[in-house]
Amino acid sequence: MNGNYLSNAGIFLVDFIFGLYILAVILRFLLQFVRADFYNPLAQAIVTITNPPLRPLRRIIPALRTLDTSSLVLMLILQIISTFLIFLLQGIAPNILGLVVTAIG
């Protein structure tokens, strides 16, 4: 019975932490899309938080006009990792295709 409570807490923590970071990446994507002023302290905080994983992705994945595709790919990767960890905590053996479909959904 106690393992169930711990797995529920783990699922909550994984979902919360990844969800918060995915929200920061979404905000950065939207700020770049609307060409917001990046001298705003909130915008600078979002850039500082999301810059470490986006910098290497930008070298690999080019932007399409004003669309920052590396942010979209990072969101998808983070959602896949989050879903993978949640499945593992529930004791489900995840399938790669199922992870991708669930992450896109």
Protein backbone atom coordinates (compact mmCIF):
# COMPACT_ATOMS: atom_id res chain seq x y z
CA MET A 1 0.00 0.00 0.00
CA ASN A 2 2.82 2.45 0.82
CA GLY A 3 4.46 1.94 -2.57
CA ASN A 4 1.28 3.18 -4.21
CA TYR A 5 1.41 6.41 -2.19
CA LEU A 6 5.05 6.94 -3.06
CA SER A 7 4.43 6.32 -6.74
CA ASN A 8 1.54 8.80 -6.68
CA ALA A 9 3.82 11.39 -5.09
CA GLY A 10 6.51 10.65 -7.67
CA ILE A 11 4.02 10.99 -10.51
CA PHE A 12 2.86 14.32 -9.10
CA LEU A 13 6.44 15.62 -8.78
CA VAL A 14 7.47 14.50 -12.27
CA ASP A 15 4.32 15.98 -13.79
CA PHE A 16 4.68 19.25 -11.88
CA ILE A 17 8.39 19.82 -12.55
CA PHE A 18 8.26 18.90 -16.22
CA GLY A 19 5.00 20.81 -16.68
CA LEU A 20 6.54 23.93 -15.17
CA TYR A 21 9.59 23.74 -17.42
CA ILE A 22 7.46 23.02 -20.50
CA LEU A 23 5.41 26.11 -19.60
CA ALA A 24 8.62 28.18 -19.53
CA VAL A 25 9.58 26.86 -22.99
CA ILE A 26 6.09 27.65 -24.30
CA LEU A 27 6.35 31.18 -22.92
CA ARG A 28 9.74 31.63 -24.58
CA PHE A 29 8.33 30.35 -27.86
CA LEU A 30 5.40 32.77 -27.65
CA LEU A 31 7.62 35.70 -26.63
CA GLN A 32 9.83 35.10 -29.66
CA PHE A 33 6.82 34.63 -31.93
CA VAL A 34 5.26 37.98 -30.97
CA ARG A 35 8.71 39.65 -30.87
CA ALA A 36 8.37 40.76 -27.27
CA ASP A 37 10.86 43.07 -25.59
CA PHE A 38 13.54 40.85 -24.05
CA TYR A 39 14.74 43.61 -21.73
CA ASN A 40 11.80 42.82 -19.48
CA PRO A 41 13.02 41.06 -16.30
CA LEU A 42 10.41 38.30 -16.65
CA ALA A 43 11.45 37.66 -20.25
CA GLN A 44 15.10 37.63 -19.21
CA ALA A 45 14.35 35.08 -16.50
CA ILE A 46 12.56 32.83 -19.00
CA VAL A 47 15.47 33.13 -21.42
CA THR A 48 17.97 32.33 -18.66
CA ILE A 49 16.02 29.25 -17.58
CA THR A 50 15.41 27.85 -21.06
CA ASN A 51 18.71 28.77 -22.72
CA PRO A 52 20.88 25.76 -21.63
CA PRO A 53 18.90 23.07 -23.49
CA LEU A 54 17.91 25.34 -26.38
CA ARG A 55 21.42 26.49 -27.29
CA PRO A 56 22.62 23.05 -28.53
CA LEU A 57 19.29 22.38 -30.24
CA ARG A 58 19.53 25.63 -32.19
CA ARG A 59 22.81 24.46 -33.73
CA ILE A 60 21.07 21.35 -35.06
CA ILE A 61 17.53 22.56 -35.82
CA PRO A 62 17.12 25.74 -37.87
CA ALA A 63 14.29 28.22 -37.34
CA LEU A 64 11.60 28.57 -39.96
CA ARG A 65 11.13 32.30 -40.50
CA THR A 66 9.72 33.55 -37.16
CA LEU A 67 8.88 30.05 -35.93
CA ASP A 68 11.40 28.76 -33.41
CA THR A 69 11.33 25.05 -34.22
CA SER A 70 13.98 24.17 -31.64
CA SER A 71 11.59 25.28 -28.87
CA LEU A 72 8.86 23.08 -30.31
CA VAL A 73 11.23 20.10 -30.50
CA LEU A 74 12.39 20.74 -26.91
CA MET A 75 8.76 20.79 -25.72
CA LEU A 76 8.11 17.49 -27.47
CA ILE A 77 11.28 15.89 -26.04
CA LEU A 78 10.43 17.07 -22.52
CA GLN A 79 6.88 15.76 -22.82
CA ILE A 80 8.15 12.38 -24.06
CA ILE A 81 10.56 12.13 -21.11
CA SER A 82 7.82 13.13 -18.67
CA THR A 83 5.41 10.57 -20.08
CA PHE A 84 8.14 7.90 -20.03
CA LEU A 85 8.90 8.56 -16.35
CA ILE A 86 5.21 8.57 -15.41
CA PHE A 87 4.68 5.26 -17.20
CA LEU A 88 7.66 3.77 -15.39
CA LEU A 89 6.36 4.97 -12.02
CA GLN A 90 3.02 3.32 -12.78
CA GLY A 91 4.74 0.07 -13.69
CA ILE A 92 3.80 0.21 -17.37
CA ALA A 93 6.34 -0.78 -20.00
CA PRO A 94 6.18 2.15 -22.44
CA ASN A 95 6.31 1.73 -26.19
CA ILE A 96 8.26 4.37 -28.15
CA LEU A 97 5.44 5.01 -30.62
CA GLY A 98 2.93 5.22 -27.77
CA LEU A 99 5.15 7.75 -25.99
CA VAL A 100 5.34 9.96 -29.06
CA VAL A 101 1.60 9.79 -29.69
CA THR A 102 0.83 10.51 -26.02
CA ALA A 103 3.31 13.40 -25.95
CA ILE A 104 1.84 14.99 -29.06
CA GLY A 105 -1.65 14.56 -27.64
